[in-house]
Amino acid sequence: MSKLLKLLSFSLILSSCGPIEGPIKHNNHEIKDRLLNWNQMFEPSEDYYQIYFYSEKCGHCNDIKQDVLNYYFKSITTMYFVCTDYEAIFGPKTDLTGIDNVNEFYIFGTPFLAEFKDHKVSNYYVGKEQILGFISI
């Protein structure tokens, strides 16, 4: 067979396989039923859950958006989301562990991921490096 005929045959074989797909891209519309407002963060019925606080204007939040959404869709953990563009209380970096009400809770910035156990803050991760380290476990 000539080289041209081999090349055409190979091209036909590849094209019949369909497009090569990359990683799944998620968007915020897929989590609209998981969105909480600021005052709802201690209301979920689960004993253990996580809340991811983000801003659509935050470069770091946008950098890890797909990582966080992939974690959410693959995880067996209950996760909620709060967009801080509309409401949020920011405060100094102090220990938030054990806080059990919205009047004492605040975040240090975005992105911010908090774990809640028995409706109390049990742990939290601040910034993209800490969050990526946690969700990659």
N, C-alpha and C. Protein backbone atom coordinates (compact mmCIF):
# COMPACT_ATOMS: atom_id res chain seq x y z
N MET A 1 0.84 -1.18 0.00
CA MET A 1 0.00 0.00 0.00
C MET A 1 0.88 1.24 0.00
N SER A 2 0.41 2.22 -0.67
CA SER A 2 1.19 3.45 -0.70
C SER A 2 1.06 4.18 0.64
N LYS A 3 1.98 5.05 0.88
CA LYS A 3 1.97 5.82 2.14
C LYS A 3 0.70 6.67 2.25
N LEU A 4 0.26 7.24 1.13
CA LEU A 4 -0.94 8.07 1.15
C LEU A 4 -2.17 7.24 1.51
N LEU A 5 -2.28 6.06 0.95
CA LEU A 5 -3.41 5.20 1.25
C LEU A 5 -3.40 4.76 2.71
N LYS A 6 -2.22 4.46 3.26
CA LYS A 6 -2.10 4.10 4.68
C LYS A 6 -2.53 5.27 5.56
N LEU A 7 -2.09 6.47 5.20
CA LEU A 7 -2.45 7.65 5.97
C LEU A 7 -3.96 7.90 5.94
N LEU A 8 -4.58 7.76 4.78
CA LEU A 8 -6.02 7.93 4.66
C LEU A 8 -6.77 6.87 5.47
N SER A 9 -6.30 5.65 5.44
CA SER A 9 -6.94 4.57 6.21
C SER A 9 -6.85 4.86 7.70
N PHE A 10 -5.69 5.29 8.15
CA PHE A 10 -5.49 5.62 9.56
C PHE A 10 -6.39 6.77 9.98
N SER A 11 -6.53 7.79 9.11
CA SER A 11 -7.39 8.94 9.41
C SER A 11 -8.84 8.52 9.53
N LEU A 12 -9.29 7.62 8.65
CA LEU A 12 -10.67 7.13 8.71
C LEU A 12 -10.91 6.35 10.01
N ILE A 13 -9.95 5.56 10.42
CA ILE A 13 -10.08 4.79 11.66
C ILE A 13 -10.21 5.75 12.85
N LEU A 14 -9.35 6.76 12.91
CA LEU A 14 -9.40 7.72 14.02
C LEU A 14 -10.70 8.51 14.02
N SER A 15 -11.17 8.92 12.85
CA SER A 15 -12.39 9.73 12.82
C SER A 15 -13.62 8.91 13.19
N SER A 16 -13.58 7.61 13.00
CA SER A 16 -14.72 6.78 13.36
C SER A 16 -14.80 6.53 14.86
N CYS A 17 -13.73 6.82 15.58
CA CYS A 17 -13.71 6.62 17.02
C CYS A 17 -14.46 7.72 17.76
N GLY A 18 -14.79 8.80 17.11
CA GLY A 18 -15.49 9.90 17.76
C GLY A 18 -14.51 10.89 18.34
N PRO A 19 -15.02 11.99 18.85
CA PRO A 19 -14.13 13.03 19.38
C PRO A 19 -13.46 12.58 20.68
N ILE A 20 -12.28 13.07 20.89
CA ILE A 20 -11.57 12.80 22.14
C ILE A 20 -12.03 13.86 23.14
N GLU A 21 -12.58 13.39 24.24
CA GLU A 21 -13.13 14.31 25.22
C GLU A 21 -12.15 14.56 26.35
N GLY A 22 -12.13 15.79 26.83
CA GLY A 22 -11.28 16.15 27.95
C GLY A 22 -12.03 15.98 29.26
N PRO A 23 -11.50 16.54 30.34
CA PRO A 23 -12.18 16.46 31.63
C PRO A 23 -13.54 17.14 31.58
N ILE A 24 -14.45 16.67 32.40
CA ILE A 24 -15.79 17.24 32.45
C ILE A 24 -15.71 18.65 33.04
N LYS A 25 -16.35 19.59 32.39
CA LYS A 25 -16.41 20.97 32.89
C LYS A 25 -17.77 21.17 33.53
N HIS A 26 -17.76 21.58 34.77
CA HIS A 26 -19.00 21.83 35.50
C HIS A 26 -19.23 23.34 35.58
N ASN A 27 -20.48 23.71 35.85
CA ASN A 27 -20.77 25.13 36.04
C ASN A 27 -21.68 25.31 37.25
N ASN A 28 -21.85 26.55 37.66
CA ASN A 28 -22.61 26.85 38.88
C ASN A 28 -24.09 26.50 38.78
N HIS A 29 -24.63 26.38 37.58
CA HIS A 29 -26.04 25.99 37.45
C HIS A 29 -26.27 24.58 37.99
N GLU A 30 -25.25 23.75 37.97
CA GLU A 30 -25.38 22.38 38.45
C GLU A 30 -25.49 22.29 39.97
N ILE A 31 -25.14 23.35 40.66
CA ILE A 31 -25.18 23.33 42.14
C ILE A 31 -26.24 24.26 42.71
N LYS A 32 -27.12 24.76 41.87
CA LYS A 32 -28.10 25.75 42.36
C LYS A 32 -28.97 25.20 43.49
N ASP A 33 -29.20 23.89 43.52
CA ASP A 33 -29.99 23.31 44.61
C ASP A 33 -29.16 23.11 45.87
N ARG A 34 -27.86 23.39 45.82
CA ARG A 34 -26.97 23.26 46.97
C ARG A 34 -26.54 24.62 47.52
N LEU A 35 -27.06 25.70 46.95
CA LEU A 35 -26.70 27.04 47.40
C LEU A 35 -27.44 27.40 48.68
N LEU A 36 -26.72 27.94 49.62
CA LEU A 36 -27.29 28.44 50.87
C LEU A 36 -27.05 29.94 50.94
N ASN A 37 -27.90 30.63 51.67
CA ASN A 37 -27.55 32.01 51.98
C ASN A 37 -26.82 32.01 53.32
N TRP A 38 -26.26 33.11 53.66
CA TRP A 38 -25.40 33.21 54.85
C TRP A 38 -26.10 32.71 56.11
N ASN A 39 -27.35 33.05 56.29
CA ASN A 39 -28.07 32.69 57.51
C ASN A 39 -28.48 31.23 57.60
N GLN A 40 -28.31 30.47 56.54
CA GLN A 40 -28.73 29.07 56.51
C GLN A 40 -27.61 28.08 56.84
N MET A 41 -26.42 28.53 57.08
CA MET A 41 -25.28 27.60 57.14
C MET A 41 -25.30 26.63 58.33
N PHE A 42 -26.05 26.92 59.36
CA PHE A 42 -26.14 25.99 60.48
C PHE A 42 -27.45 25.20 60.46
N GLU A 43 -28.22 25.32 59.39
CA GLU A 43 -29.53 24.68 59.29
C GLU A 43 -29.58 23.30 58.63
N PRO A 44 -28.60 22.88 57.82
CA PRO A 44 -28.73 21.57 57.18
C PRO A 44 -28.99 20.46 58.20
N SER A 45 -29.73 19.45 57.78
CA SER A 45 -30.14 18.38 58.70
C SER A 45 -29.05 17.34 58.92
N GLU A 46 -28.07 17.29 58.07
CA GLU A 46 -27.00 16.29 58.21
C GLU A 46 -26.13 16.57 59.45
N ASP A 47 -25.58 15.50 60.02
CA ASP A 47 -24.67 15.65 61.16
C ASP A 47 -23.29 16.12 60.71
N TYR A 48 -22.92 15.78 59.47
CA TYR A 48 -21.63 16.22 58.92
C TYR A 48 -21.87 16.77 57.52
N TYR A 49 -21.35 17.95 57.27
CA TYR A 49 -21.43 18.55 55.93
C TYR A 49 -20.31 19.58 55.79
N GLN A 50 -20.10 19.99 54.56
CA GLN A 50 -19.09 21.00 54.24
C GLN A 50 -19.77 22.16 53.52
N ILE A 51 -19.22 23.34 53.72
CA ILE A 51 -19.69 24.51 52.98
C ILE A 51 -18.49 25.19 52.35
N TYR A 52 -18.60 25.41 51.05
CA TYR A 52 -17.57 26.10 50.29
C TYR A 52 -18.04 27.53 50.05
N PHE A 53 -17.25 28.50 50.51
CA PHE A 53 -17.55 29.92 50.34
C PHE A 53 -16.69 30.45 49.21
N TYR A 54 -17.33 31.09 48.24
CA TYR A 54 -16.60 31.56 47.07
C TYR A 54 -17.18 32.89 46.59
N SER A 55 -16.39 33.56 45.77
CA SER A 55 -16.86 34.76 45.09
C SER A 55 -16.64 34.55 43.60
N GLU A 56 -17.60 34.93 42.82
CA GLU A 56 -17.45 34.82 41.37
C GLU A 56 -16.43 35.82 40.84
N LYS A 57 -16.08 36.81 41.66
CA LYS A 57 -15.11 37.83 41.26
C LYS A 57 -13.69 37.49 41.73
N CYS A 58 -13.54 36.41 42.48
CA CYS A 58 -12.26 36.03 43.08
C CYS A 58 -11.44 35.18 42.10
N GLY A 59 -10.25 35.64 41.79
CA GLY A 59 -9.37 34.90 40.88
C GLY A 59 -8.99 33.53 41.41
N HIS A 60 -8.70 33.44 42.72
CA HIS A 60 -8.35 32.14 43.31
C HIS A 60 -9.53 31.18 43.29
N CYS A 61 -10.73 31.70 43.53
CA CYS A 61 -11.94 30.87 43.47
C CYS A 61 -12.13 30.32 42.06
N ASN A 62 -11.93 31.18 41.08
CA ASN A 62 -12.07 30.74 39.69
C ASN A 62 -10.98 29.75 39.30
N ASP A 63 -9.78 29.91 39.86
CA ASP A 63 -8.68 28.98 39.57
C ASP A 63 -9.01 27.55 40.01
N ILE A 64 -9.70 27.41 41.14
CA ILE A 64 -9.97 26.06 41.67
C ILE A 64 -11.42 25.62 41.50
N LYS A 65 -12.20 26.40 40.78
CA LYS A 65 -13.62 26.10 40.61
C LYS A 65 -13.86 24.68 40.12
N GLN A 66 -13.18 24.27 39.05
CA GLN A 66 -13.40 22.92 38.51
C GLN A 66 -12.94 21.85 39.49
N ASP A 67 -11.87 22.09 40.22
CA ASP A 67 -11.40 21.13 41.23
C ASP A 67 -12.44 20.94 42.32
N VAL A 68 -13.01 22.05 42.80
CA VAL A 68 -14.02 21.98 43.86
C VAL A 68 -15.28 21.29 43.35
N LEU A 69 -15.72 21.65 42.16
CA LEU A 69 -16.92 21.03 41.61
C LEU A 69 -16.70 19.54 41.33
N ASN A 70 -15.53 19.18 40.83
CA ASN A 70 -15.23 17.75 40.62
C ASN A 70 -15.24 17.01 41.95
N TYR A 71 -14.67 17.61 42.99
CA TYR A 71 -14.69 17.01 44.33
C TYR A 71 -16.14 16.82 44.78
N TYR A 72 -16.95 17.85 44.62
CA TYR A 72 -18.36 17.77 45.02
C TYR A 72 -19.08 16.62 44.31
N PHE A 73 -18.91 16.52 43.01
CA PHE A 73 -19.64 15.50 42.25
C PHE A 73 -19.11 14.09 42.49
N LYS A 74 -17.87 13.95 42.93
CA LYS A 74 -17.30 12.62 43.18
C LYS A 74 -17.38 12.22 44.65
N SER A 75 -17.61 13.16 45.53
CA SER A 75 -17.57 12.91 46.97
C SER A 75 -18.88 12.32 47.47
N ILE A 76 -18.76 11.55 48.54
CA ILE A 76 -19.96 11.05 49.20
C ILE A 76 -20.38 11.98 50.34
N THR A 77 -19.58 12.99 50.57
CA THR A 77 -19.85 13.97 51.63
C THR A 77 -20.88 14.98 51.15
N THR A 78 -21.76 15.40 52.03
CA THR A 78 -22.73 16.44 51.70
C THR A 78 -22.01 17.78 51.68
N MET A 79 -22.22 18.51 50.61
CA MET A 79 -21.55 19.80 50.45
C MET A 79 -22.55 20.86 50.00
N TYR A 80 -22.40 22.04 50.57
CA TYR A 80 -23.20 23.19 50.19
C TYR A 80 -22.28 24.32 49.75
N PHE A 81 -22.86 25.35 49.16
CA PHE A 81 -22.09 26.47 48.62
C PHE A 81 -22.73 27.78 49.05
N VAL A 82 -21.88 28.74 49.37
CA VAL A 82 -22.34 30.10 49.68
C VAL A 82 -21.54 31.06 48.81
N CYS A 83 -22.25 31.83 47.99
CA CYS A 83 -21.59 32.85 47.17
C CYS A 83 -21.51 34.12 48.01
N THR A 84 -20.29 34.56 48.26
CA THR A 84 -20.08 35.72 49.14
C THR A 84 -20.25 37.05 48.41
N ASP A 85 -20.60 37.00 47.14
CA ASP A 85 -20.81 38.26 46.40
C ASP A 85 -22.04 39.00 46.91
N TYR A 86 -22.96 38.28 47.54
CA TYR A 86 -24.22 38.87 47.96
C TYR A 86 -24.26 39.16 49.46
N GLU A 87 -23.67 38.28 50.25
CA GLU A 87 -23.64 38.51 51.69
C GLU A 87 -22.53 37.65 52.30
N ALA A 88 -21.84 38.21 53.22
CA ALA A 88 -20.78 37.50 53.94
C ALA A 88 -20.25 38.43 55.02
N ILE A 89 -19.72 37.82 56.06
CA ILE A 89 -19.06 38.59 57.10
C ILE A 89 -17.62 38.13 57.15
N PHE A 90 -16.71 39.07 57.00
CA PHE A 90 -15.29 38.78 57.02
C PHE A 90 -14.72 39.24 58.35
N GLY A 91 -13.75 38.47 58.85
CA GLY A 91 -13.17 38.80 60.14
C GLY A 91 -11.71 38.38 60.21
N PRO A 92 -11.08 38.61 61.36
CA PRO A 92 -9.65 38.30 61.53
C PRO A 92 -9.41 36.79 61.63
N LYS A 93 -8.20 36.41 61.37
CA LYS A 93 -7.82 34.99 61.44
C LYS A 93 -7.68 34.56 62.89
N THR A 94 -8.77 34.03 63.41
CA THR A 94 -8.77 33.45 64.75
C THR A 94 -9.39 32.06 64.64
N ASP A 95 -9.35 31.30 65.69
CA ASP A 95 -9.87 29.94 65.66
C ASP A 95 -11.40 29.94 65.63
N LEU A 96 -11.96 29.31 64.61
CA LEU A 96 -13.42 29.22 64.47
C LEU A 96 -13.97 27.87 64.93
N THR A 97 -13.10 26.97 65.33
CA THR A 97 -13.52 25.64 65.73
C THR A 97 -14.49 25.71 66.90
N GLY A 98 -15.62 24.99 66.77
CA GLY A 98 -16.61 24.94 67.83
C GLY A 98 -17.73 25.95 67.70
N ILE A 99 -17.61 26.90 66.80
CA ILE A 99 -18.68 27.89 66.63
C ILE A 99 -19.94 27.18 66.13
N ASP A 100 -21.08 27.54 66.72
CA ASP A 100 -22.32 26.84 66.40
C ASP A 100 -23.48 27.77 66.03
N ASN A 101 -23.16 29.02 65.69
CA ASN A 101 -24.24 29.93 65.30
C ASN A 101 -23.71 30.98 64.32
N VAL A 102 -24.61 31.48 63.51
CA VAL A 102 -24.26 32.41 62.45
C VAL A 102 -23.77 33.76 63.00
N ASN A 103 -24.18 34.13 64.21
CA ASN A 103 -23.78 35.42 64.77
C ASN A 103 -22.30 35.49 65.14
N GLU A 104 -21.67 34.34 65.34
CA GLU A 104 -20.24 34.31 65.69
C GLU A 104 -19.36 33.87 64.53
N PHE A 105 -19.97 33.41 63.45
CA PHE A 105 -19.20 32.86 62.34
C PHE A 105 -18.83 33.95 61.34
N TYR A 106 -17.65 33.85 60.79
CA TYR A 106 -17.18 34.72 59.71
C TYR A 106 -16.11 33.96 58.94
N ILE A 107 -15.75 34.50 57.80
CA ILE A 107 -14.67 33.90 57.01
C ILE A 107 -13.53 34.89 56.90
N PHE A 108 -12.35 34.37 56.56
CA PHE A 108 -11.16 35.23 56.46
C PHE A 108 -10.99 35.80 55.06
N GLY A 109 -11.66 35.23 54.10
CA GLY A 109 -11.55 35.62 52.70
C GLY A 109 -12.05 34.48 51.85
N THR A 110 -11.90 34.60 50.54
CA THR A 110 -12.31 33.53 49.64
C THR A 110 -11.12 33.08 48.82
N PRO A 111 -11.10 31.82 48.49
CA PRO A 111 -12.03 30.75 48.82
C PRO A 111 -11.85 30.28 50.27
N PHE A 112 -12.91 29.70 50.81
CA PHE A 112 -12.94 29.25 52.21
C PHE A 112 -13.83 28.01 52.26
N LEU A 113 -13.35 26.97 52.89
CA LEU A 113 -14.11 25.72 53.02
C LEU A 113 -14.20 25.36 54.49
N ALA A 114 -15.42 25.18 54.97
CA ALA A 114 -15.62 24.83 56.38
C ALA A 114 -16.29 23.48 56.49
N GLU A 115 -15.85 22.71 57.48
CA GLU A 115 -16.49 21.44 57.81
C GLU A 115 -17.33 21.65 59.06
N PHE A 116 -18.52 21.06 59.07
CA PHE A 116 -19.43 21.17 60.19
C PHE A 116 -19.77 19.77 60.68
N LYS A 117 -19.60 19.55 61.97
CA LYS A 117 -19.97 18.28 62.59
C LYS A 117 -20.87 18.59 63.76
N ASP A 118 -22.02 17.95 63.80
CA ASP A 118 -23.03 18.23 64.83
C ASP A 118 -23.35 19.72 64.90
N HIS A 119 -23.39 20.35 63.74
CA HIS A 119 -23.76 21.76 63.57
C HIS A 119 -22.81 22.73 64.26
N LYS A 120 -21.54 22.30 64.36
CA LYS A 120 -20.47 23.16 64.86
C LYS A 120 -19.33 23.11 63.85
N VAL A 121 -18.59 24.19 63.74
CA VAL A 121 -17.42 24.20 62.86
C VAL A 121 -16.40 23.23 63.44
N SER A 122 -16.02 22.23 62.67
CA SER A 122 -15.04 21.26 63.14
C SER A 122 -13.66 21.49 62.53
N ASN A 123 -13.62 22.11 61.36
CA ASN A 123 -12.36 22.41 60.70
C ASN A 123 -12.64 23.39 59.57
N TYR A 124 -11.59 24.03 59.06
CA TYR A 124 -11.76 24.95 57.95
C TYR A 124 -10.45 25.09 57.21
N TYR A 125 -10.56 25.48 55.95
CA TYR A 125 -9.42 25.60 55.05
C TYR A 125 -9.53 26.94 54.34
N VAL A 126 -8.44 27.67 54.34
CA VAL A 126 -8.44 29.03 53.81
C VAL A 126 -7.48 29.12 52.62
N GLY A 127 -7.96 29.63 51.52
CA GLY A 127 -7.11 29.82 50.35
C GLY A 127 -7.04 28.59 49.47
N LYS A 128 -6.61 28.81 48.25
CA LYS A 128 -6.66 27.73 47.28
C LYS A 128 -5.70 26.59 47.60
N GLU A 129 -4.52 26.85 48.15
CA GLU A 129 -3.58 25.77 48.44
C GLU A 129 -4.12 24.84 49.53
N GLN A 130 -4.64 25.41 50.61
CA GLN A 130 -5.19 24.56 51.69
C GLN A 130 -6.40 23.77 51.19
N ILE A 131 -7.26 24.41 50.42
CA ILE A 131 -8.45 23.72 49.94
C ILE A 131 -8.07 22.61 48.96
N LEU A 132 -7.18 22.92 48.03
CA LEU A 132 -6.74 21.88 47.09
C LEU A 132 -6.06 20.72 47.82
N GLY A 133 -5.30 21.03 48.85
CA GLY A 133 -4.67 19.97 49.65
C GLY A 133 -5.70 19.09 50.32
N PHE A 134 -6.76 19.69 50.84
CA PHE A 134 -7.81 18.92 51.52
C PHE A 134 -8.62 18.08 50.54
N ILE A 135 -9.06 18.67 49.45
CA ILE A 135 -9.95 17.93 48.54
C ILE A 135 -9.22 16.91 47.69
N SER A 136 -7.91 16.93 47.69
CA SER A 136 -7.17 15.93 46.92
C SER A 136 -6.85 14.70 47.74
N ILE A 137 -7.28 14.65 49.00
CA ILE A 137 -7.00 13.51 49.87
C ILE A 137 -7.79 12.30 49.38
